[in-house]
Amino acid sequence: MRRSCHLVSHKAELSHETIVSSGVTQGTVLGPLLFLCFSANINDSINGSVLGMYADDTKLFKGRQHLGDCMTLQNDLNAISLWADSWLRTLNLAKTKHLRIGRHREYHTFYLKWL
C-alpha cells in the first residue's frame, strides 16, 4: 500500500488526517481478495480438525470422542501458530475464544504457542 492519508467524516464533521503506511484500506475491492490470497494455504496445515473461514475470521473445531481428539485439536492449534509465524502474520489473542459444548467432565486446556 502506498503511503496515504485518511480521515473520517461523520454528520458533517471531519476528523484530523492520519497517515496510514501499511495494510489494506477497509472497504476496498481488493481487500477480501488479498486476504484470500494470503490465507488460502492455512488449511494445508490442519490434520484432523475442521477449519472454517469467513472474511477475516477463522474457526477451528473438533468433536471429542476420546482424549486423543483433544491432542489432535492442540496439534492443529500448534500448526496454525507455525503457519502464522512462517507467513509473518499475527493472531489476535484478544479475539481468540474457546467454546466447550458437551457433558464431558474432564476439562482440557488448549494453548496457542509462540504468541
PDB file of N, CA and C in Angstrom:
ATOM      1  N   MET A   1       0.845  -1.183   0.000  1.00  0.00           N
ATOM      2  CA  MET A   1       0.000   0.000   0.000  1.00  0.00           C
ATOM      3  C   MET A   1       0.887   1.240   0.000  1.00  0.00           C
ATOM      4  N   ARG A   2       0.570   2.165  -0.854  1.00  0.00           N
ATOM      5  CA  ARG A   2       1.339   3.401  -0.879  1.00  0.00           C
ATOM      6  C   ARG A   2       0.958   4.247   0.335  1.00  0.00           C
ATOM      7  N   ARG A   3       1.842   5.121   0.705  1.00  0.00           N
ATOM      8  CA  ARG A   3       1.595   5.973   1.869  1.00  0.00           C
ATOM      9  C   ARG A   3       0.435   6.907   1.553  1.00  0.00           C
ATOM     10  N   SER A   4      -0.569   6.894   2.407  1.00  0.00           N
ATOM     11  CA  SER A   4      -1.736   7.734   2.149  1.00  0.00           C
ATOM     12  C   SER A   4      -2.268   8.304   3.451  1.00  0.00           C
ATOM     13  N   CYS A   5      -3.101   9.306   3.316  1.00  0.00           N
ATOM     14  CA  CYS A   5      -3.741   9.924   4.465  1.00  0.00           C
ATOM     15  C   CYS A   5      -5.226   9.594   4.444  1.00  0.00           C
ATOM     16  N   HIS A   6      -5.768   9.362   5.622  1.00  0.00           N
ATOM     17  CA  HIS A   6      -7.190   9.051   5.716  1.00  0.00           C
ATOM     18  C   HIS A   6      -7.830   9.927   6.780  1.00  0.00           C
ATOM     19  N   LEU A   7      -9.086  10.186   6.585  1.00  0.00           N
ATOM     20  CA  LEU A   7      -9.863  10.893   7.590  1.00  0.00           C
ATOM     21  C   LEU A   7     -11.273  10.330   7.597  1.00  0.00           C
ATOM     22  N   VAL A   8     -12.000  10.610   8.660  1.00  0.00           N
ATOM     23  CA  VAL A   8     -13.354  10.097   8.818  1.00  0.00           C
ATOM     24  C   VAL A   8     -14.329  11.254   8.789  1.00  0.00           C
ATOM     25  N   SER A   9     -15.416  11.059   8.062  1.00  0.00           N
ATOM     26  CA  SER A   9     -16.479  12.053   8.005  1.00  0.00           C
ATOM     27  C   SER A   9     -17.720  11.458   8.655  1.00  0.00           C
ATOM     28  N   HIS A  10     -18.278  12.184   9.628  1.00  0.00           N
ATOM     29  CA  HIS A  10     -19.488  11.715  10.298  1.00  0.00           C
ATOM     30  C   HIS A  10     -20.354  12.916  10.644  1.00  0.00           C
ATOM     31  N   LYS A  11     -21.567  12.926  10.113  1.00  0.00           N
ATOM     32  CA  LYS A  11     -22.521  14.016  10.371  1.00  0.00           C
ATOM     33  C   LYS A  11     -21.896  15.386  10.144  1.00  0.00           C
ATOM     34  N   ALA A  12     -21.296  15.558   8.988  1.00  0.00           N
ATOM     35  CA  ALA A  12     -20.708  16.829   8.556  1.00  0.00           C
ATOM     36  C   ALA A  12     -19.491  17.243   9.374  1.00  0.00           C
ATOM     37  N   GLU A  13     -18.965  16.366  10.217  1.00  0.00           N
ATOM     38  CA  GLU A  13     -17.742  16.645  10.973  1.00  0.00           C
ATOM     39  C   GLU A  13     -16.612  15.813  10.375  1.00  0.00           C
ATOM     40  N   LEU A  14     -15.424  16.394  10.320  1.00  0.00           N
ATOM     41  CA  LEU A  14     -14.261  15.691   9.796  1.00  0.00           C
ATOM     42  C   LEU A  14     -13.221  15.493  10.888  1.00  0.00           C
ATOM     43  N   SER A  15     -12.634  14.307  10.912  1.00  0.00           N
ATOM     44  CA  SER A  15     -11.542  14.049  11.844  1.00  0.00           C
ATOM     45  C   SER A  15     -10.254  14.642  11.284  1.00  0.00           C
ATOM     46  N   HIS A  16      -9.201  14.577  12.069  1.00  0.00           N
ATOM     47  CA  HIS A  16      -7.891  15.001  11.588  1.00  0.00           C
ATOM     48  C   HIS A  16      -7.347  13.919  10.663  1.00  0.00           C
ATOM     49  N   GLU A  17      -6.573  14.328   9.669  1.00  0.00           N
ATOM     50  CA  GLU A  17      -5.957  13.361   8.771  1.00  0.00           C
ATOM     51  C   GLU A  17      -4.903  12.554   9.516  1.00  0.00           C
ATOM     52  N   THR A  18      -4.846  11.270   9.201  1.00  0.00           N
ATOM     53  CA  THR A  18      -3.862  10.373   9.786  1.00  0.00           C
ATOM     54  C   THR A  18      -3.148   9.642   8.664  1.00  0.00           C
ATOM     55  N   ILE A  19      -1.828   9.553   8.775  1.00  0.00           N
ATOM     56  CA  ILE A  19      -1.054   8.836   7.762  1.00  0.00           C
ATOM     57  C   ILE A  19      -1.169   7.341   8.023  1.00  0.00           C
ATOM     58  N   VAL A  20      -1.538   6.598   7.002  1.00  0.00           N
ATOM     59  CA  VAL A  20      -1.626   5.140   7.076  1.00  0.00           C
ATOM     60  C   VAL A  20      -0.547   4.592   6.158  1.00  0.00           C
ATOM     61  N   SER A  21       0.393   3.842   6.745  1.00  0.00           N
ATOM     62  CA  SER A  21       1.544   3.399   5.958  1.00  0.00           C
ATOM     63  C   SER A  21       1.537   1.908   5.623  1.00  0.00           C
ATOM     64  N   SER A  22       0.545   1.159   6.099  1.00  0.00           N
ATOM     65  CA  SER A  22       0.518  -0.278   5.790  1.00  0.00           C
ATOM     66  C   SER A  22      -0.907  -0.788   5.818  1.00  0.00           C
ATOM     67  N   GLY A  23      -1.076  -2.020   5.332  1.00  0.00           N
ATOM     68  CA  GLY A  23      -2.391  -2.662   5.356  1.00  0.00           C
ATOM     69  C   GLY A  23      -3.188  -2.368   4.109  1.00  0.00           C
ATOM     70  N   VAL A  24      -4.382  -2.901   4.104  1.00  0.00           N
ATOM     71  CA  VAL A  24      -5.319  -2.686   3.004  1.00  0.00           C
ATOM     72  C   VAL A  24      -6.472  -1.868   3.558  1.00  0.00           C
ATOM     73  N   THR A  25      -6.788  -0.804   2.918  1.00  0.00           N
ATOM     74  CA  THR A  25      -7.857   0.065   3.374  1.00  0.00           C
ATOM     75  C   THR A  25      -9.174  -0.694   3.409  1.00  0.00           C
ATOM     76  N   GLN A  26      -9.922  -0.569   4.510  1.00  0.00           N
ATOM     77  CA  GLN A  26     -11.211  -1.230   4.601  1.00  0.00           C
ATOM     78  C   GLN A  26     -12.155  -0.673   3.559  1.00  0.00           C
ATOM     79  N   GLY A  27     -12.998  -1.554   3.039  1.00  0.00           N
ATOM     80  CA  GLY A  27     -13.965  -1.142   2.046  1.00  0.00           C
ATOM     81  C   GLY A  27     -13.449  -1.218   0.628  1.00  0.00           C
ATOM     82  N   THR A  28     -12.222  -1.673   0.455  1.00  0.00           N
ATOM     83  CA  THR A  28     -11.685  -1.775  -0.894  1.00  0.00           C
ATOM     84  C   THR A  28     -12.163  -3.062  -1.560  1.00  0.00           C
ATOM     85  N   VAL A  29     -12.125  -3.074  -2.855  1.00  0.00           N
ATOM     86  CA  VAL A  29     -12.499  -4.263  -3.612  1.00  0.00           C
ATOM     87  C   VAL A  29     -11.421  -5.329  -3.463  1.00  0.00           C
ATOM     88  N   LEU A  30     -10.164  -4.916  -3.388  1.00  0.00           N
ATOM     89  CA  LEU A  30      -9.059  -5.861  -3.312  1.00  0.00           C
ATOM     90  C   LEU A  30      -8.851  -6.462  -1.924  1.00  0.00           C
ATOM     91  N   GLY A  31      -9.358  -5.828  -0.885  1.00  0.00           N
ATOM     92  CA  GLY A  31      -9.150  -6.301   0.486  1.00  0.00           C
ATOM     93  C   GLY A  31      -9.488  -7.772   0.686  1.00  0.00           C
ATOM     94  N   PRO A  32     -10.718  -8.196   0.404  1.00  0.00           N
ATOM     95  CA  PRO A  32     -11.068  -9.610   0.586  1.00  0.00           C
ATOM     96  C   PRO A  32     -10.250 -10.539  -0.310  1.00  0.00           C
ATOM     97  N   LEU A  33      -9.955 -10.107  -1.519  1.00  0.00           N
ATOM     98  CA  LEU A  33      -9.171 -10.937  -2.435  1.00  0.00           C
ATOM     99  C   LEU A  33      -7.752 -11.132  -1.903  1.00  0.00           C
ATOM    100  N   LEU A  34      -7.138 -10.063  -1.408  1.00  0.00           N
ATOM    101  CA  LEU A  34      -5.790 -10.174  -0.855  1.00  0.00           C
ATOM    102  C   LEU A  34      -5.780 -11.068   0.376  1.00  0.00           C
ATOM    103  N   PHE A  35      -6.812 -10.957   1.215  1.00  0.00           N
ATOM    104  CA  PHE A  35      -6.890 -11.830   2.392  1.00  0.00           C
ATOM    105  C   PHE A  35      -6.943 -13.288   1.963  1.00  0.00           C
ATOM    106  N   LEU A  36      -7.758 -13.600   0.963  1.00  0.00           N
ATOM    107  CA  LEU A  36      -7.845 -14.979   0.487  1.00  0.00           C
ATOM    108  C   LEU A  36      -6.515 -15.466  -0.074  1.00  0.00           C
ATOM    109  N   CYS A  37      -5.833 -14.615  -0.807  1.00  0.00           N
ATOM    110  CA  CYS A  37      -4.537 -14.999  -1.380  1.00  0.00           C
ATOM    111  C   CYS A  37      -3.524 -15.324  -0.287  1.00  0.00           C
ATOM    112  N   PHE A  38      -3.509 -14.543   0.778  1.00  0.00           N
ATOM    113  CA  PHE A  38      -2.538 -14.748   1.847  1.00  0.00           C
ATOM    114  C   PHE A  38      -2.942 -15.854   2.813  1.00  0.00           C
ATOM    115  N   SER A  39      -4.211 -16.237   2.838  1.00  0.00           N
ATOM    116  CA  SER A  39      -4.684 -17.210   3.823  1.00  0.00           C
ATOM    117  C   SER A  39      -5.132 -18.534   3.222  1.00  0.00           C
ATOM    118  N   ALA A  40      -5.091 -18.669   1.923  1.00  0.00           N
ATOM    119  CA  ALA A  40      -5.647 -19.853   1.269  1.00  0.00           C
ATOM    120  C   ALA A  40      -4.980 -21.147   1.701  1.00  0.00           C
ATOM    121  N   ASN A  41      -3.702 -21.113   2.025  1.00  0.00           N
ATOM    122  CA  ASN A  41      -2.994 -22.353   2.339  1.00  0.00           C
ATOM    123  C   ASN A  41      -3.014 -22.726   3.816  1.00  0.00           C
ATOM    124  N   ILE A  42      -3.714 -21.996   4.652  1.00  0.00           N
ATOM    125  CA  ILE A  42      -3.764 -22.328   6.081  1.00  0.00           C
ATOM    126  C   ILE A  42      -4.378 -23.716   6.302  1.00  0.00           C
ATOM    127  N   ASN A  43      -5.300 -24.097   5.443  1.00  0.00           N
ATOM    128  CA  ASN A  43      -5.964 -25.390   5.578  1.00  0.00           C
ATOM    129  C   ASN A  43      -5.001 -26.552   5.360  1.00  0.00           C
ATOM    130  N   ASP A  44      -3.904 -26.333   4.638  1.00  0.00           N
ATOM    131  CA  ASP A  44      -2.912 -27.378   4.401  1.00  0.00           C
ATOM    132  C   ASP A  44      -2.229 -27.824   5.689  1.00  0.00           C
ATOM    133  N   SER A  45      -2.251 -26.988   6.713  1.00  0.00           N
ATOM    134  CA  SER A  45      -1.582 -27.280   7.980  1.00  0.00           C
ATOM    135  C   SER A  45      -2.437 -28.109   8.929  1.00  0.00           C
ATOM    136  N   ILE A  46      -3.726 -28.216   8.657  1.00  0.00           N
ATOM    137  CA  ILE A  46      -4.670 -28.841   9.587  1.00  0.00           C
ATOM    138  C   ILE A  46      -4.786 -30.334   9.299  1.00  0.00           C
ATOM    139  N   ASN A  47      -4.663 -31.156  10.348  1.00  0.00           N
ATOM    140  CA  ASN A  47      -4.723 -32.619  10.207  1.00  0.00           C
ATOM    141  C   ASN A  47      -5.683 -33.225  11.219  1.00  0.00           C
ATOM    142  N   GLY A  48      -6.956 -33.091  11.015  1.00  0.00           N
ATOM    143  CA  GLY A  48      -7.903 -33.757  11.914  1.00  0.00           C
ATOM    144  C   GLY A  48      -9.023 -32.877  12.414  1.00  0.00           C
ATOM    145  N   SER A  49      -8.803 -31.590  12.532  1.00  0.00           N
ATOM    146  CA  SER A  49      -9.853 -30.665  12.955  1.00  0.00           C
ATOM    147  C   SER A  49     -10.504 -30.078  11.712  1.00  0.00           C
ATOM    148  N   VAL A  50     -11.575 -29.361  11.925  1.00  0.00           N
ATOM    149  CA  VAL A  50     -12.282 -28.702  10.820  1.00  0.00           C
ATOM    150  C   VAL A  50     -11.993 -27.211  10.908  1.00  0.00           C
ATOM    151  N   LEU A  51     -11.620 -26.623   9.786  1.00  0.00           N
ATOM    152  CA  LEU A  51     -11.309 -25.201   9.731  1.00  0.00           C
ATOM    153  C   LEU A  51     -12.388 -24.498   8.930  1.00  0.00           C
ATOM    154  N   GLY A  52     -12.972 -23.461   9.494  1.00  0.00           N
ATOM    155  CA  GLY A  52     -13.958 -22.645   8.800  1.00  0.00           C
ATOM    156  C   GLY A  52     -13.473 -21.214   8.727  1.00  0.00           C
ATOM    157  N   MET A  53     -13.632 -20.597   7.561  1.00  0.00           N
ATOM    158  CA  MET A  53     -13.204 -19.211   7.391  1.00  0.00           C
ATOM    159  C   MET A  53     -14.329 -18.399   6.765  1.00  0.00           C
ATOM    160  N   TYR A  54     -14.500 -17.188   7.278  1.00  0.00           N
ATOM    161  CA  TYR A  54     -15.434 -16.239   6.691  1.00  0.00           C
ATOM    162  C   TYR A  54     -14.816 -14.858   6.875  1.00  0.00           C
ATOM    163  N   ALA A  55     -14.652 -14.156   5.781  1.00  0.00           N
ATOM    164  CA  ALA A  55     -13.989 -12.845   5.796  1.00  0.00           C
ATOM    165  C   ALA A  55     -12.633 -13.008   6.480  1.00  0.00           C
ATOM    166  N   ASP A  56     -12.381 -12.278   7.572  1.00  0.00           N
ATOM    167  CA  ASP A  56     -11.084 -12.423   8.238  1.00  0.00           C
ATOM    168  C   ASP A  56     -11.202 -13.186   9.556  1.00  0.00           C
ATOM    169  N   ASP A  57     -12.292 -13.936   9.726  1.00  0.00           N
ATOM    170  CA  ASP A  57     -12.466 -14.768  10.917  1.00  0.00           C
ATOM    171  C   ASP A  57     -12.189 -16.223  10.566  1.00  0.00           C
ATOM    172  N   THR A  58     -11.503 -16.905  11.461  1.00  0.00           N
ATOM    173  CA  THR A  58     -11.185 -18.315  11.271  1.00  0.00           C
ATOM    174  C   THR A  58     -11.627 -19.079  12.496  1.00  0.00           C
ATOM    175  N   LYS A  59     -12.286 -20.212  12.271  1.00  0.00           N
ATOM    176  CA  LYS A  59     -12.737 -21.059  13.368  1.00  0.00           C
ATOM    177  C   LYS A  59     -12.166 -22.449  13.175  1.00  0.00           C
ATOM    178  N   LEU A  60     -11.682 -23.027  14.263  1.00  0.00           N
ATOM    179  CA  LEU A  60     -11.144 -24.376  14.252  1.00  0.00           C
ATOM    180  C   LEU A  60     -11.943 -25.179  15.260  1.00  0.00           C
ATOM    181  N   PHE A  61     -12.483 -26.309  14.827  1.00  0.00           N
ATOM    182  CA  PHE A  61     -13.246 -27.113  15.775  1.00  0.00           C
ATOM    183  C   PHE A  61     -13.038 -28.595  15.542  1.00  0.00           C
ATOM    184  N   LYS A  62     -13.309 -29.354  16.620  1.00  0.00           N
ATOM    185  CA  LYS A  62     -13.103 -30.795  16.592  1.00  0.00           C
ATOM    186  C   LYS A  62     -14.056 -31.429  17.592  1.00  0.00           C
ATOM    187  N   GLY A  63     -14.808 -32.426  17.151  1.00  0.00           N
ATOM    188  CA  GLY A  63     -15.642 -33.192  18.067  1.00  0.00           C
ATOM    189  C   GLY A  63     -14.756 -34.055  18.953  1.00  0.00           C
ATOM    190  N   ARG A  64     -15.203 -34.292  20.175  1.00  0.00           N
ATOM    191  CA  ARG A  64     -14.384 -35.061  21.107  1.00  0.00           C
ATOM    192  C   ARG A  64     -15.076 -36.371  21.462  1.00  0.00           C
ATOM    193  N   GLN A  65     -14.459 -37.456  21.078  1.00  0.00           N
ATOM    194  CA  GLN A  65     -14.930 -38.779  21.469  1.00  0.00           C
ATOM    195  C   GLN A  65     -14.018 -39.371  22.539  1.00  0.00           C
ATOM    196  N   HIS A  66     -12.732 -39.026  22.475  1.00  0.00           N
ATOM    197  CA  HIS A  66     -11.750 -39.525  23.437  1.00  0.00           C
ATOM    198  C   HIS A  66     -10.642 -38.483  23.584  1.00  0.00           C
ATOM    199  N   LEU A  67      -9.728 -38.713  24.514  1.00  0.00           N
ATOM    200  CA  LEU A  67      -8.679 -37.743  24.817  1.00  0.00           C
ATOM    201  C   LEU A  67      -7.802 -37.444  23.602  1.00  0.00           C
ATOM    202  N   GLY A  68      -7.633 -38.418  22.722  1.00  0.00           N
ATOM    203  CA  GLY A  68      -6.825 -38.208  21.518  1.00  0.00           C
ATOM    204  C   GLY A  68      -7.351 -37.078  20.655  1.00  0.00           C
ATOM    205  N   ASP A  69      -8.659 -36.849  20.679  1.00  0.00           N
ATOM    206  CA  ASP A  69      -9.233 -35.740  19.908  1.00  0.00           C
ATOM    207  C   ASP A  69      -8.748 -34.389  20.435  1.00  0.00           C
ATOM    208  N   CYS A  70      -8.562 -34.296  21.747  1.00  0.00           N
ATOM    209  CA  CYS A  70      -8.022 -33.060  22.334  1.00  0.00           C
ATOM    210  C   CYS A  70      -6.587 -32.841  21.861  1.00  0.00           C
ATOM    211  N   MET A  71      -5.836 -33.925  21.776  1.00  0.00           N
ATOM    212  CA  MET A  71      -4.450 -33.819  21.303  1.00  0.00           C
ATOM    213  C   MET A  71      -4.413 -33.409  19.833  1.00  0.00           C
ATOM    214  N   THR A  72      -5.350 -33.931  19.037  1.00  0.00           N
ATOM    215  CA  THR A  72      -5.425 -33.546  17.627  1.00  0.00           C
ATOM    216  C   THR A  72      -5.712 -32.055  17.493  1.00  0.00           C
ATOM    217  N   LEU A  73      -6.671 -31.563  18.283  1.00  0.00           N
ATOM    218  CA  LEU A  73      -7.001 -30.134  18.244  1.00  0.00           C
ATOM    219  C   LEU A  73      -5.807 -29.298  18.666  1.00  0.00           C
ATOM    220  N   GLN A  74      -5.087 -29.714  19.718  1.00  0.00           N
ATOM    221  CA  GLN A  74      -3.904 -28.964  20.150  1.00  0.00           C
ATOM    222  C   GLN A  74      -2.832 -28.964  19.070  1.00  0.00           C
ATOM    223  N   ASN A  75      -2.637 -30.094  18.407  1.00  0.00           N
ATOM    224  CA  ASN A  75      -1.651 -30.156  17.318  1.00  0.00           C
ATOM    225  C   ASN A  75      -2.029 -29.212  16.179  1.00  0.00           C
ATOM    226  N   ASP A  76      -3.317 -29.110  15.886  1.00  0.00           N
ATOM    227  CA  ASP A  76      -3.759 -28.196  14.830  1.00  0.00           C
ATOM    228  C   ASP A  76      -3.609 -26.737  15.251  1.00  0.00           C
ATOM    229  N   LEU A  77      -3.825 -26.444  16.534  1.00  0.00           N
ATOM    230  CA  LEU A  77      -3.564 -25.086  17.033  1.00  0.00           C
ATOM    231  C   LEU A  77      -2.077 -24.752  16.896  1.00  0.00           C
ATOM    232  N   ASN A  78      -1.219 -25.724  17.210  1.00  0.00           N
ATOM    233  CA  ASN A  78       0.224 -25.523  17.043  1.00  0.00           C
ATOM    234  C   ASN A  78       0.564 -25.273  15.574  1.00  0.00           C
ATOM    235  N   ALA A  79      -0.079 -26.025  14.682  1.00  0.00           N
ATOM    236  CA  ALA A  79       0.164 -25.867  13.244  1.00  0.00           C
ATOM    237  C   ALA A  79      -0.253 -24.478  12.765  1.00  0.00           C
ATOM    238  N   ILE A  80      -1.369 -23.974  13.272  1.00  0.00           N
ATOM    239  CA  ILE A  80      -1.811 -22.624  12.897  1.00  0.00           C
ATOM    240  C   ILE A  80      -0.810 -21.587  13.398  1.00  0.00           C
ATOM    241  N   SER A  81      -0.285 -21.770  14.601  1.00  0.00           N
ATOM    242  CA  SER A  81       0.722 -20.844  15.129  1.00  0.00           C
ATOM    243  C   SER A  81       1.977 -20.852  14.261  1.00  0.00           C
ATOM    244  N   LEU A  82       2.410 -22.039  13.856  1.00  0.00           N
ATOM    245  CA  LEU A  82       3.584 -22.143  12.975  1.00  0.00           C
ATOM    246  C   LEU A  82       3.306 -21.513  11.614  1.00  0.00           C
ATOM    247  N   TRP A  83       2.099 -21.726  11.090  1.00  0.00           N
ATOM    248  CA  TRP A  83       1.724 -21.141   9.807  1.00  0.00           C
ATOM    249  C   TRP A  83       1.771 -19.614   9.899  1.00  0.00           C
ATOM    250  N   ALA A  84       1.180 -19.065  10.966  1.00  0.00           N
ATOM    251  CA  ALA A  84       1.160 -17.607  11.138  1.00  0.00           C
ATOM    252  C   ALA A  84       2.587 -17.063  11.241  1.00  0.00           C
ATOM    253  N   ASP A  85       3.434 -17.770  11.975  1.00  0.00           N
ATOM    254  CA  ASP A  85       4.821 -17.345  12.125  1.00  0.00           C
ATOM    255  C   ASP A  85       5.556 -17.372  10.787  1.00  0.00           C
ATOM    256  N   SER A  86       5.351 -18.421  10.003  1.00  0.00           N
ATOM    257  CA  SER A  86       6.059 -18.535   8.727  1.00  0.00           C
ATOM    258  C   SER A  86       5.589 -17.497   7.710  1.00  0.00           C
ATOM    259  N   TRP A  87       4.352 -17.032   7.821  1.00  0.00           N
ATOM    260  CA  TRP A  87       3.817 -16.019   6.908  1.00  0.00           C
ATOM    261  C   TRP A  87       3.881 -14.611   7.502  1.00  0.00           C
ATOM    262  N   LEU A  88       4.572 -14.481   8.649  1.00  0.00           N
ATOM    263  CA  LEU A  88       4.710 -13.188   9.334  1.00  0.00           C
ATOM    264  C   LEU A  88       3.353 -12.580   9.665  1.00  0.00           C
ATOM    265  N   ARG A  89       2.426 -13.433  10.050  1.00  0.00           N
ATOM    266  CA  ARG A  89       1.082 -12.992  10.446  1.00  0.00           C
ATOM    267  C   ARG A  89       0.980 -13.062  11.964  1.00  0.00           C
ATOM    268  N   THR A  90       0.131 -12.267  12.546  1.00  0.00           N
ATOM    269  CA  THR A  90      -0.096 -12.331  13.988  1.00  0.00           C
ATOM    270  C   THR A  90      -1.523 -12.786  14.251  1.00  0.00           C
ATOM    271  N   LEU A  91      -1.680 -13.533  15.316  1.00  0.00           N
ATOM    272  CA  LEU A  91      -3.008 -13.962  15.748  1.00  0.00           C
ATOM    273  C   LEU A  91      -3.442 -13.043  16.877  1.00  0.00           C
ATOM    274  N   ASN A  92      -4.675 -12.600  16.833  1.00  0.00           N
ATOM    275  CA  ASN A  92      -5.179 -11.668  17.825  1.00  0.00           C
ATOM    276  C   ASN A  92      -5.702 -12.442  19.033  1.00  0.00           C
ATOM    277  N   LEU A  93      -4.904 -12.499  20.086  1.00  0.00           N
ATOM    278  CA  LEU A  93      -5.305 -13.232  21.288  1.00  0.00           C
ATOM    279  C   LEU A  93      -6.556 -12.651  21.920  1.00  0.00           C
ATOM    280  N   ALA A  94      -6.750 -11.361  21.808  1.00  0.00           N
ATOM    281  CA  ALA A  94      -7.932 -10.731  22.405  1.00  0.00           C
ATOM    282  C   ALA A  94      -9.221 -11.226  21.754  1.00  0.00           C
ATOM    283  N   LYS A  95      -9.137 -11.680  20.507  1.00  0.00           N
ATOM    284  CA  LYS A  95     -10.311 -12.182  19.800  1.00  0.00           C
ATOM    285  C   LYS A  95     -10.375 -13.708  19.776  1.00  0.00           C
ATOM    286  N   THR A  96      -9.434 -14.354  20.439  1.00  0.00           N
ATOM    287  CA  THR A  96      -9.380 -15.816  20.435  1.00  0.00           C
ATOM    288  C   THR A  96     -10.198 -16.358  21.596  1.00  0.00           C
ATOM    289  N   LYS A  97     -11.129 -17.233  21.286  1.00  0.00           N
ATOM    290  CA  LYS A  97     -12.032 -17.799  22.298  1.00  0.00           C
ATOM    291  C   LYS A  97     -12.045 -19.316  22.203  1.00  0.00           C
ATOM    292  N   HIS A  98     -12.382 -19.942  23.309  1.00  0.00           N
ATOM    293  CA  HIS A  98     -12.518 -21.393  23.385  1.00  0.00           C
ATOM    294  C   HIS A  98     -13.943 -21.682  23.845  1.00  0.00           C
ATOM    295  N   LEU A  99     -14.659 -22.501  23.096  1.00  0.00           N
ATOM    296  CA  LEU A  99     -16.033 -22.862  23.442  1.00  0.00           C
ATOM    297  C   LEU A  99     -16.104 -24.366  23.593  1.00  0.00           C
ATOM    298  N   ARG A 100     -16.550 -24.814  24.734  1.00  0.00           N
ATOM    299  CA  ARG A 100     -16.702 -26.241  25.010  1.00  0.00           C
ATOM    300  C   ARG A 100     -18.185 -26.554  25.126  1.00  0.00           C
ATOM    301  N   ILE A 101     -18.639 -27.516  24.337  1.00  0.00           N
ATOM    302  CA  ILE A 101     -20.040 -27.925  24.360  1.00  0.00           C
ATOM    303  C   ILE A 101     -20.081 -29.414  24.670  1.00  0.00           C
ATOM    304  N   GLY A 102     -20.856 -29.803  25.660  1.00  0.00           N
ATOM    305  CA  GLY A 102     -20.984 -31.224  25.965  1.00  0.00           C
ATOM    306  C   GLY A 102     -20.994 -31.498  27.448  1.00  0.00           C
ATOM    307  N   ARG A 103     -21.013 -32.785  27.774  1.00  0.00           N
ATOM    308  CA  ARG A 103     -21.123 -33.212  29.171  1.00  0.00           C
ATOM    309  C   ARG A 103     -19.853 -33.843  29.712  1.00  0.00           C
ATOM    310  N   HIS A 104     -18.785 -33.801  28.950  1.00  0.00           N
ATOM    311  CA  HIS A 104     -17.538 -34.396  29.443  1.00  0.00           C
ATOM    312  C   HIS A 104     -17.089 -33.663  30.699  1.00  0.00           C
ATOM    313  N   ARG A 105     -16.792 -34.410  31.728  1.00  0.00           N
ATOM    314  CA  ARG A 105     -16.356 -33.796  32.983  1.00  0.00           C
ATOM    315  C   ARG A 105     -14.886 -33.403  32.942  1.00  0.00           C
ATOM    316  N   GLU A 106     -14.114 -34.109  32.136  1.00  0.00           N
ATOM    317  CA  GLU A 106     -12.697 -33.765  32.042  1.00  0.00           C
ATOM    318  C   GLU A 106     -12.560 -32.480  31.243  1.00  0.00           C
ATOM    319  N   TYR A 107     -11.739 -31.606  31.749  1.00  0.00           N
ATOM    320  CA  TYR A 107     -11.520 -30.327  31.071  1.00  0.00           C
ATOM    321  C   TYR A 107     -10.097 -30.291  30.550  1.00  0.00           C
ATOM    322  N   HIS A 108      -9.935 -29.960  29.305  1.00  0.00           N
ATOM    323  CA  HIS A 108      -8.615 -29.887  28.691  1.00  0.00           C
ATOM    324  C   HIS A 108      -8.289 -28.426  28.394  1.00  0.00           C
ATOM    325  N   THR A 109      -7.099 -28.003  28.736  1.00  0.00           N
ATOM    326  CA  THR A 109      -6.650 -26.639  28.455  1.00  0.00           C
ATOM    327  C   THR A 109      -5.885 -26.631  27.144  1.00  0.00           C
ATOM    328  N   PHE A 110      -6.235 -25.686  26.283  1.00  0.00           N
ATOM    329  CA  PHE A 110      -5.572 -25.557  24.990  1.00  0.00           C
ATOM    330  C   PHE A 110      -4.696 -24.313  25.000  1.00  0.00           C
ATOM    331  N   TYR A 111      -3.619 -24.359  24.226  1.00  0.00           N
ATOM    332  CA  TYR A 111      -2.650 -23.264  24.171  1.00  0.00           C
ATOM    333  C   TYR A 111      -2.371 -22.881  22.734  1.00  0.00           C
ATOM    334  N   LEU A 112      -2.116 -21.599  22.536  1.00  0.00           N
ATOM    335  CA  LEU A 112      -1.575 -21.113  21.263  1.00  0.00           C
ATOM    336  C   LEU A 112      -0.112 -20.798  21.527  1.00  0.00           C
ATOM    337  N   LYS A 113       0.776 -21.542  20.897  1.00  0.00           N
ATOM    338  CA  LYS A 113       2.217 -21.349  21.139  1.00  0.00           C
ATOM    339  C   LYS A 113       2.732 -20.161  20.333  1.00  0.00           C
ATOM    340  N   TRP A 114       3.867 -19.662  20.763  1.00  0.00           N
ATOM    341  CA  TRP A 114       4.595 -18.593  20.077  1.00  0.00           C
ATOM    342  C   TRP A 114       3.844 -17.273  20.033  1.00  0.00           C
ATOM    343  N   LEU A 115       2.935 -17.066  20.947  1.00  0.00           N
ATOM    344  CA  LEU A 115       2.213 -15.790  20.948  1.00  0.00           C
ATOM    345  C   LEU A 115       2.612 -14.974  22.148  1.00  0.00           C
TER     346      LEU A 115
END
